[in-house]
Amino acid sequence: MNVVARLRARSPAVEQHDFRALWAAGAASSIALWTVLLGNAWIVYKLSDSSFWVGVATFASMVPYLLAPIGGVVADHAERRMVSRLARALMLGTMVILFVLAITDTITVWFVVIVALAQGIIRAGYVSSDQALLPNTVPPGDIPNAVALSSMAQQGSRAVGPILAGPMLATIGVEGAYAVSILFAVIAFVAVGRIHTTSRGGIQSLERVVESLGEGIHYVRTTGPVLAIFLLVVAHCSLTMSFDAMLPGFAETHLHSAAGGFTLMTLGVGVGALVGTFVLSLATGASRGPLVLATAIGSGVSPIFMALSMQVFPATVSAILMGSTQAMFMALVAMLMQETVPDAVRGRVMSLYLMSAGGIMAFANLGFGTLADRWGAPLLFWIPGSAFVLIVAISWLAGPYMRHVYRTGRMLLPRPEPLAAAVGGE
């Protein structure tokens, strides 16, 4: 009982009803997402025997992140809770479609690609609304804890998805994985319906879409520390996190364990992410600066370990290290963003952040999936990982904004300005 009390004291955000509902919706949505992505990767590789086509399916799922700024504009105009509800209902419908195609044995690579594209568009919308809504569900002082817990749910789902879907793929088939995704999509829809907090941004009319989006871009471009974070996240996501398309082929060709190796590596990434973000959620008062630097370096070093792994066990250990360092790094920079960006423009800025992260991963996954068929996955783990370690070193030596983050765990912000001026308003 004392342990439970201490955990609750370390996680003050869970005392808020609406945060718990939003957290449950995000966790269930993420489990559904990673389960369906695992099923998609497996069935596409089975149908095509090509990492390239797995890359195409992953690309289709992620490229809609390039449209996330439109979702950010909506999130700063519409009632964010209602946007999240509608998007969850649409996502549930797409998962039912995949399940029906699978059980009727009419599923094809192109069907998977098209549905994955639709899911990516829907997801880009609700993630922007969720991220903009989250700080409104807790007191300002609890925002870091709320972000850490939300990151734990999102990243930890990478473990839950394989645990649930892996046995299904090995026994029932892909339709079993899709059934699991439907179950959690239903849970997400119910959970988001329990949120009572109303939240809107600073956009009065959607007729000003271009102008409103320009305000968000102006804020990022003219706020040096935010821009520095954006650039580092782009490098991180493109060089260290865009490995999904390579895993099925890597498991079969280099580990000689197609189903087991693929499932264990995916599970390892998820377990590492879950443990790392859980620890982070209990230590949000710790020295975040050195932790940002350590996890950034770990994010680059861990793919190098994966490149050297030629058996399932070391590959799984490497995957755990990749998952923990990458998830903790992304959670830490998300905390910095949520603490810094004003509420009136938060939806647009966080959607641009989502575009920078997810959009670049779409193209990187496609590229790595294509090159893996020619060069092999180990080289494509080793070179990008080394490149990111070099970028982190440069950001420390030559980047005053990131050096300040590494030292203090805070952004070095310019003199406060009225919000209208900061975002390019009158």
Protein backbone atom coordinates (compact mmCIF):
# COMPACT_ATOMS: atom_id res chain seq x y z
CA MET A 1 0.00 0.00 0.00
CA ASN A 2 2.86 2.37 0.82
CA VAL A 3 4.38 1.60 -2.57
CA VAL A 4 1.11 2.52 -4.30
CA ALA A 5 0.89 5.74 -2.31
CA ARG A 6 4.44 6.68 -3.27
CA LEU A 7 3.73 5.97 -6.94
CA ARG A 8 0.63 8.18 -6.83
CA ALA A 9 2.63 10.94 -5.15
CA ARG A 10 5.21 10.69 -7.90
CA SER A 11 2.48 10.82 -10.58
CA PRO A 12 0.20 13.72 -9.58
CA ALA A 13 -1.37 13.92 -13.04
CA VAL A 14 -3.33 10.69 -12.42
CA GLU A 15 -5.39 12.49 -9.77
CA GLN A 16 -7.20 14.36 -12.58
CA HIS A 17 -10.23 12.50 -14.02
CA ASP A 18 -9.98 13.94 -17.51
CA PHE A 19 -6.27 13.21 -17.74
CA ARG A 20 -6.96 9.59 -16.82
CA ALA A 21 -9.60 9.38 -19.56
CA LEU A 22 -7.30 11.00 -22.13
CA TRP A 23 -4.44 8.74 -21.03
CA ALA A 24 -6.63 5.63 -21.42
CA ALA A 25 -7.79 6.76 -24.86
CA GLY A 26 -4.21 7.42 -25.95
CA ALA A 27 -2.94 4.11 -24.56
CA ALA A 28 -5.70 2.09 -26.21
CA SER A 29 -5.27 3.95 -29.51
CA SER A 30 -1.54 3.31 -29.45
CA ILE A 31 -1.99 -0.40 -28.71
CA ALA A 32 -4.47 -0.63 -31.59
CA LEU A 33 -2.06 1.26 -33.85
CA TRP A 34 1.02 -0.86 -33.12
CA THR A 35 -1.00 -4.05 -33.37
CA VAL A 36 -2.32 -3.13 -36.78
CA LEU A 37 1.13 -1.93 -37.94
CA LEU A 38 2.63 -5.25 -36.86
CA GLY A 39 -0.09 -7.11 -38.74
CA ASN A 40 0.38 -4.91 -41.81
CA ALA A 41 4.15 -5.43 -41.89
CA TRP A 42 3.75 -9.18 -41.46
CA ILE A 43 1.08 -9.69 -44.12
CA VAL A 44 2.77 -7.38 -46.63
CA TYR A 45 6.10 -9.18 -46.27
CA LYS A 46 4.31 -12.52 -46.52
CA LEU A 47 2.48 -11.49 -49.69
CA SER A 48 5.39 -9.72 -51.38
CA ASP A 49 8.57 -11.23 -49.86
CA SER A 50 10.08 -7.74 -50.08
CA SER A 51 11.27 -5.14 -47.54
CA PHE A 52 10.51 -2.53 -50.20
CA TRP A 53 6.78 -3.21 -50.02
CA VAL A 54 6.87 -3.21 -46.22
CA GLY A 55 8.48 0.21 -46.58
CA VAL A 56 5.68 1.31 -48.92
CA ALA A 57 3.02 0.26 -46.39
CA THR A 58 4.90 2.00 -43.57
CA PHE A 59 5.33 5.07 -45.77
CA ALA A 60 1.58 5.15 -46.47
CA SER A 61 0.86 5.00 -42.75
CA MET A 62 3.29 7.78 -41.85
CA VAL A 63 3.28 10.20 -44.80
CA PRO A 64 -0.05 11.78 -43.72
CA TYR A 65 1.92 13.31 -40.87
CA LEU A 66 2.89 15.88 -43.50
CA LEU A 67 -0.76 16.98 -43.29
CA ALA A 68 -0.61 17.26 -39.50
CA PRO A 69 -0.39 21.09 -39.60
CA ILE A 70 -3.90 21.13 -41.07
CA GLY A 71 -4.99 19.04 -38.09
CA GLY A 72 -3.19 21.52 -35.86
CA VAL A 73 -5.20 24.39 -37.34
CA VAL A 74 -8.40 22.43 -36.66
CA ALA A 75 -7.17 21.66 -33.12
CA ASP A 76 -6.67 25.39 -32.48
CA HIS A 77 -10.14 26.20 -33.82
CA ALA A 78 -12.57 23.36 -33.09
CA GLU A 79 -13.47 21.88 -29.72
CA ARG A 80 -10.53 19.52 -29.26
CA ARG A 81 -12.47 16.88 -27.35
CA MET A 82 -14.98 16.48 -30.21
CA VAL A 83 -12.23 16.21 -32.82
CA SER A 84 -10.68 13.36 -30.85
CA ARG A 85 -14.02 11.56 -30.57
CA LEU A 86 -14.79 11.76 -34.29
CA ALA A 87 -11.29 10.62 -35.27
CA ARG A 88 -11.48 7.58 -32.96
CA ALA A 89 -14.75 6.51 -34.59
CA LEU A 90 -13.22 6.77 -38.06
CA MET A 91 -10.12 4.83 -36.98
CA LEU A 92 -12.30 2.03 -35.66
CA GLY A 93 -14.00 1.82 -39.06
CA THR A 94 -10.70 1.38 -40.93
CA MET A 95 -9.65 -1.47 -38.63
CA VAL A 96 -12.94 -3.24 -39.24
CA ILE A 97 -12.26 -2.98 -42.98
CA LEU A 98 -8.86 -4.67 -42.63
CA PHE A 99 -10.37 -7.42 -40.49
CA VAL A 100 -13.10 -8.12 -43.06
CA LEU A 101 -10.55 -8.23 -45.91
CA ALA A 102 -8.43 -10.68 -43.90
CA ILE A 103 -11.20 -13.11 -42.93
CA THR A 104 -12.58 -13.14 -46.48
CA ASP A 105 -9.07 -13.82 -47.84
CA THR A 106 -9.34 -10.83 -50.20
CA ILE A 107 -6.53 -8.83 -48.64
CA THR A 108 -3.79 -7.62 -50.98
CA VAL A 109 -0.72 -5.45 -50.61
CA TRP A 110 -2.48 -2.51 -52.24
CA PHE A 111 -5.52 -2.83 -49.97
CA VAL A 112 -3.22 -2.66 -46.96
CA VAL A 113 -1.41 0.38 -48.38
CA ILE A 114 -4.64 2.27 -49.07
CA VAL A 115 -6.16 1.58 -45.65
CA ALA A 116 -2.84 2.43 -43.98
CA LEU A 117 -2.90 5.79 -45.78
CA ALA A 118 -6.42 6.48 -44.50
CA GLN A 119 -5.40 5.53 -40.97
CA GLY A 120 -2.42 7.85 -41.13
CA ILE A 121 -4.62 10.79 -42.15
CA ILE A 122 -7.02 10.14 -39.28
CA ARG A 123 -4.21 9.67 -36.77
CA ALA A 124 -2.51 12.92 -37.79
CA GLY A 125 -5.74 14.69 -36.86
CA TYR A 126 -6.44 13.21 -33.45
CA VAL A 127 -2.84 13.28 -32.23
CA SER A 128 -2.72 17.07 -32.74
CA SER A 129 -5.96 17.49 -30.79
CA ASP A 130 -4.82 15.15 -28.01
CA GLN A 131 -1.50 16.94 -27.57
CA ALA A 132 -3.16 20.36 -27.51
CA LEU A 133 -5.79 19.14 -25.03
CA LEU A 134 -3.42 17.37 -22.64
CA PRO A 135 -2.03 20.45 -20.79
CA ASN A 136 -5.61 21.61 -20.14
CA THR A 137 -6.45 18.43 -18.20
CA VAL A 138 -3.87 18.97 -15.43
CA PRO A 139 -2.56 21.90 -13.34
CA PRO A 140 0.44 23.68 -14.97
CA GLY A 141 2.92 22.17 -12.51
CA ASP A 142 1.86 18.64 -13.46
CA ILE A 143 2.42 19.03 -17.21
CA PRO A 144 5.85 17.29 -17.23
CA ASN A 145 4.40 14.30 -15.37
CA ALA A 146 1.38 14.22 -17.71
CA VAL A 147 3.61 14.27 -20.79
CA ALA A 148 5.84 11.52 -19.37
CA LEU A 149 2.85 9.32 -18.56
CA SER A 150 1.35 9.90 -22.01
CA SER A 151 4.67 9.06 -23.65
CA MET A 152 4.84 5.90 -21.53
CA ALA A 153 1.43 4.86 -22.86
CA GLN A 154 2.28 5.63 -26.46
CA GLN A 155 5.71 4.04 -26.45
CA GLY A 156 4.85 1.16 -24.14
CA SER A 157 2.15 0.09 -26.55
CA ARG A 158 4.99 -1.11 -28.77
CA ALA A 159 5.44 -3.88 -26.21
CA VAL A 160 1.77 -4.64 -25.67
CA GLY A 161 1.05 -4.83 -29.42
CA PRO A 162 3.56 -7.63 -30.13
CA ILE A 163 2.61 -9.49 -26.93
CA LEU A 164 -0.99 -9.62 -28.11
CA ALA A 165 -0.51 -9.82 -31.86
CA GLY A 166 2.58 -12.06 -32.02
CA PRO A 167 0.79 -15.25 -30.91
CA MET A 168 -2.11 -14.37 -33.20
CA LEU A 169 0.19 -14.09 -36.21
CA ALA A 170 1.81 -17.42 -35.38
CA THR A 171 -1.51 -19.27 -34.91
CA ILE A 172 -4.68 -17.65 -36.23
CA GLY A 173 -3.03 -15.33 -38.74
CA VAL A 174 -3.22 -11.62 -39.46
CA GLU A 175 -6.98 -11.55 -38.86
CA GLY A 176 -6.25 -12.29 -35.19
CA ALA A 177 -4.00 -9.24 -34.94
CA TYR A 178 -6.63 -7.09 -36.62
CA ALA A 179 -9.28 -8.35 -34.17
CA VAL A 180 -7.08 -7.22 -31.27
CA SER A 181 -6.71 -3.80 -32.86
CA ILE A 182 -10.51 -3.48 -33.15
CA LEU A 183 -10.94 -4.30 -29.46
CA PHE A 184 -8.57 -1.54 -28.37
CA ALA A 185 -10.01 0.93 -30.88
CA VAL A 186 -13.39 0.42 -29.18
CA ILE A 187 -11.80 1.01 -25.76
CA ALA A 188 -10.21 4.23 -27.05
CA PHE A 189 -13.53 5.49 -28.40
CA VAL A 190 -15.28 4.85 -25.09
CA ALA A 191 -12.48 6.44 -23.06
CA VAL A 192 -12.32 9.66 -25.05
CA GLY A 193 -16.08 10.00 -24.56
CA ARG A 194 -15.49 10.33 -20.80
CA ILE A 195 -13.45 13.54 -21.17
CA HIS A 196 -15.30 16.64 -19.93
CA THR A 197 -12.64 19.34 -20.38
CA THR A 198 -13.43 21.78 -23.17
CA SER A 199 -10.49 23.33 -24.93
CA ARG A 200 -10.02 25.61 -27.92
CA GLY A 201 -7.04 27.43 -29.36
CA GLY A 202 -6.73 30.96 -30.71
CA ILE A 203 -8.18 30.53 -34.22
CA GLN A 204 -11.59 32.13 -34.61
CA SER A 205 -12.24 31.23 -38.26
CA LEU A 206 -11.03 28.36 -40.43
CA GLU A 207 -11.18 30.70 -43.42
CA ARG A 208 -7.78 31.91 -42.22
CA VAL A 209 -6.16 28.47 -42.57
CA VAL A 210 -3.05 29.63 -44.43
CA GLU A 211 -2.61 32.70 -42.24
CA SER A 212 -3.18 30.69 -39.06
CA LEU A 213 -0.70 28.03 -40.10
CA GLY A 214 1.76 30.76 -40.97
CA GLU A 215 1.52 32.04 -37.40
CA GLY A 216 2.58 28.64 -36.10
CA ILE A 217 5.46 28.44 -38.56
CA HIS A 218 6.53 31.97 -37.64
CA TYR A 219 6.59 31.05 -33.96
CA VAL A 220 8.82 28.04 -34.60
CA ARG A 221 11.10 29.87 -37.02
CA THR A 222 11.66 32.89 -34.78
CA THR A 223 11.95 31.04 -31.46
CA GLY A 224 15.51 29.75 -31.58
CA PRO A 225 15.31 27.05 -28.88
CA VAL A 226 12.12 25.61 -30.40
CA LEU A 227 13.69 25.57 -33.86
CA ALA A 228 16.80 23.83 -32.47
CA ILE A 229 14.60 21.11 -30.92
CA PHE A 230 12.75 20.70 -34.22
CA LEU A 231 15.96 20.19 -36.18
CA LEU A 232 17.38 17.68 -33.70
CA VAL A 233 14.11 15.72 -33.68
CA VAL A 234 14.12 15.55 -37.50
CA ALA A 235 17.64 14.08 -37.40
CA HIS A 236 16.69 11.69 -34.59
CA CYS A 237 13.56 10.34 -36.26
CA SER A 238 15.10 9.96 -39.69
CA LEU A 239 18.38 8.37 -38.59
CA THR A 240 17.54 6.26 -35.53
CA MET A 241 13.79 5.54 -35.50
CA SER A 242 13.05 4.64 -39.13
CA PHE A 243 13.82 0.95 -38.91
CA ASP A 244 10.35 -0.65 -39.04
CA ALA A 245 10.54 -1.58 -42.73
CA MET A 246 13.84 -3.39 -42.22
CA LEU A 247 12.90 -5.64 -39.31
CA PRO A 248 11.03 -8.45 -41.14
CA GLY A 249 13.85 -8.90 -43.66
CA PHE A 250 16.55 -8.52 -41.01
CA ALA A 251 14.91 -11.25 -38.92
CA GLU A 252 14.69 -13.66 -41.85
CA THR A 253 18.00 -12.96 -43.61
CA HIS A 254 20.42 -12.22 -40.77
CA LEU A 255 18.84 -13.81 -37.70
CA HIS A 256 17.34 -16.79 -39.60
CA SER A 257 14.21 -16.50 -37.49
CA ALA A 258 11.48 -14.86 -39.55
CA ALA A 259 8.48 -14.98 -37.20
CA GLY A 260 10.20 -15.34 -33.83
CA GLY A 261 12.99 -12.85 -34.48
CA PHE A 262 10.64 -10.23 -35.88
CA THR A 263 8.23 -10.54 -32.95
CA LEU A 264 11.00 -10.51 -30.32
CA MET A 265 12.72 -7.45 -31.79
CA THR A 266 9.43 -5.57 -32.02
CA LEU A 267 8.61 -6.65 -28.48
CA GLY A 268 12.07 -5.58 -27.32
CA VAL A 269 11.61 -2.08 -28.70
CA GLY A 270 8.27 -1.84 -26.92
CA VAL A 271 9.53 -3.20 -23.60
CA GLY A 272 12.46 -0.81 -23.66
CA ALA A 273 10.15 2.12 -24.44
CA LEU A 274 7.72 1.12 -21.70
CA VAL A 275 10.38 0.73 -19.01
CA GLY A 276 12.24 3.88 -20.03
CA THR A 277 9.20 6.15 -20.08
CA PHE A 278 7.84 4.60 -16.86
CA VAL A 279 11.08 5.45 -15.07
CA LEU A 280 10.94 8.90 -16.61
CA SER A 281 7.37 9.46 -15.37
CA LEU A 282 8.56 8.85 -11.80
CA ALA A 283 11.63 11.07 -12.12
CA THR A 284 10.36 14.21 -13.83
CA GLY A 285 12.06 16.30 -11.16
CA ALA A 286 15.48 14.82 -11.92
CA SER A 287 18.21 16.57 -13.90
CA ARG A 288 16.58 16.42 -17.30
CA GLY A 289 19.39 18.14 -19.19
CA PRO A 290 22.03 15.42 -18.83
CA LEU A 291 19.29 12.85 -19.42
CA VAL A 292 18.40 14.48 -22.75
CA LEU A 293 22.05 14.26 -23.78
CA ALA A 294 22.49 10.67 -22.57
CA THR A 295 19.36 9.39 -24.31
CA ALA A 296 20.29 11.23 -27.50
CA ILE A 297 23.67 9.51 -27.57
CA GLY A 298 22.08 6.17 -26.66
CA SER A 299 19.63 6.57 -29.52
CA GLY A 300 22.54 6.64 -31.94
CA VAL A 301 24.69 3.97 -30.31
CA SER A 302 21.94 1.34 -29.95
CA PRO A 303 21.35 0.86 -33.73
CA ILE A 304 25.09 0.20 -34.04
CA PHE A 305 24.69 -2.65 -31.55
CA MET A 306 21.78 -3.93 -33.65
CA ALA A 307 23.98 -3.89 -36.74
CA LEU A 308 26.49 -6.16 -34.98
CA SER A 309 23.81 -8.62 -33.82
CA MET A 310 23.69 -11.85 -35.78
CA GLN A 311 21.57 -13.88 -33.34
CA VAL A 312 18.12 -13.35 -31.86
CA PHE A 313 19.20 -12.75 -28.26
CA PRO A 314 21.68 -9.88 -28.86
CA ALA A 315 19.29 -8.41 -31.43
CA THR A 316 16.51 -8.38 -28.82
CA VAL A 317 18.79 -6.76 -26.23
CA SER A 318 19.75 -4.13 -28.82
CA ALA A 319 16.07 -3.55 -29.57
CA ILE A 320 15.36 -2.97 -25.86
CA LEU A 321 18.16 -0.40 -25.72
CA MET A 322 16.86 1.27 -28.88
CA GLY A 323 13.32 1.43 -27.52
CA SER A 324 14.29 2.83 -24.12
CA THR A 325 16.69 5.54 -25.29
CA GLN A 326 14.61 6.67 -28.26
CA ALA A 327 11.34 6.81 -26.31
CA MET A 328 12.89 8.67 -23.38
CA PHE A 329 14.51 11.20 -25.70
CA MET A 330 11.23 11.88 -27.52
CA ALA A 331 9.35 12.16 -24.22
CA LEU A 332 11.87 14.61 -22.81
CA VAL A 333 11.78 16.93 -25.80
CA ALA A 334 7.96 16.72 -25.80
CA MET A 335 8.01 17.93 -22.18
CA LEU A 336 10.14 20.88 -23.20
CA MET A 337 7.73 21.75 -26.01
CA GLN A 338 4.56 21.42 -23.92
CA GLU A 339 6.02 23.58 -21.14
CA THR A 340 7.16 26.30 -23.53
CA VAL A 341 4.56 26.74 -26.28
CA PRO A 342 1.60 29.07 -25.48
CA ASP A 343 -1.83 27.42 -25.46
CA ALA A 344 -3.25 29.67 -28.18
CA VAL A 345 -0.77 28.32 -30.73
CA ARG A 346 0.02 24.93 -29.18
CA GLY A 347 -2.10 22.88 -31.59
CA ARG A 348 -0.34 24.31 -34.63
CA VAL A 349 3.16 24.10 -33.18
CA MET A 350 2.73 20.54 -31.92
CA SER A 351 1.28 19.52 -35.29
CA LEU A 352 4.34 20.97 -37.00
CA TYR A 353 6.42 18.99 -34.52
CA LEU A 354 4.43 15.88 -35.43
CA MET A 355 4.96 16.59 -39.13
CA SER A 356 8.70 17.01 -38.59
CA ALA A 357 8.95 13.71 -36.71
CA GLY A 358 6.43 11.45 -38.45
CA GLY A 359 6.72 12.92 -41.93
CA ILE A 360 10.46 12.41 -42.14
CA MET A 361 10.08 8.87 -40.77
CA ALA A 362 7.71 8.05 -43.63
CA PHE A 363 10.31 8.86 -46.27
CA ALA A 364 13.19 7.39 -44.27
CA ASN A 365 11.36 4.09 -43.78
CA LEU A 366 10.63 3.93 -47.50
CA GLY A 367 14.24 4.65 -48.34
CA PHE A 368 15.69 2.21 -45.81
CA GLY A 369 13.24 -0.50 -46.86
CA THR A 370 14.32 -0.07 -50.49
CA LEU A 371 18.03 -0.02 -49.69
CA ALA A 372 17.79 -2.97 -47.30
CA ASP A 373 16.97 -5.29 -50.21
CA ARG A 374 20.25 -4.22 -51.87
CA TRP A 375 22.70 -3.38 -49.11
CA GLY A 376 21.35 -5.35 -46.16
CA ALA A 377 19.91 -3.97 -42.92
CA PRO A 378 23.10 -4.02 -40.76
CA LEU A 379 24.76 -1.27 -42.80
CA LEU A 380 21.58 0.80 -42.57
CA PHE A 381 21.57 0.48 -38.81
CA TRP A 382 25.27 1.32 -38.40
CA ILE A 383 25.74 4.37 -40.66
CA PRO A 384 22.68 6.41 -39.58
CA GLY A 385 23.28 5.64 -35.90
CA SER A 386 26.86 6.88 -36.16
CA ALA A 387 25.69 9.98 -38.04
CA PHE A 388 23.25 10.90 -35.27
CA VAL A 389 25.92 10.57 -32.56
CA LEU A 390 28.02 13.02 -34.60
CA ILE A 391 25.06 15.43 -34.90
CA VAL A 392 24.52 15.34 -31.12
CA ALA A 393 28.19 16.13 -30.58
CA ILE A 394 27.96 19.09 -32.95
CA SER A 395 24.81 20.35 -31.21
CA TRP A 396 26.75 20.35 -27.93
CA LEU A 397 29.87 22.01 -29.29
CA ALA A 398 28.34 24.53 -31.70
CA GLY A 399 24.68 24.91 -30.66
CA PRO A 400 24.08 27.33 -27.75
CA TYR A 401 20.39 26.49 -27.47
CA MET A 402 20.88 22.73 -27.24
CA ARG A 403 23.93 23.12 -25.01
CA HIS A 404 21.72 25.07 -22.59
CA VAL A 405 19.13 22.26 -22.73
CA TYR A 406 21.79 19.61 -22.07
CA ARG A 407 23.06 21.55 -19.06
CA THR A 408 19.82 22.77 -17.47
CA GLY A 409 16.92 20.77 -18.92
CA ARG A 410 15.25 24.05 -19.90
CA MET A 411 14.92 26.04 -23.09
CA LEU A 412 16.90 29.29 -23.28
CA LEU A 413 13.98 31.52 -24.20
CA PRO A 414 14.22 35.09 -25.48
CA ARG A 415 12.61 38.03 -23.65
CA PRO A 416 8.86 37.36 -23.25
CA GLU A 417 6.71 39.05 -25.89
CA PRO A 418 2.95 39.45 -26.28
CA LEU A 419 1.55 36.31 -27.90
CA ALA A 420 0.26 38.20 -30.94
CA ALA A 421 3.76 39.41 -31.69
CA ALA A 422 5.29 36.01 -31.03
CA VAL A 423 3.09 34.28 -33.58
CA GLY A 424 3.05 37.00 -36.17
CA GLY A 425 -0.26 38.60 -35.19
CA GLU A 426 -1.06 42.30 -35.08
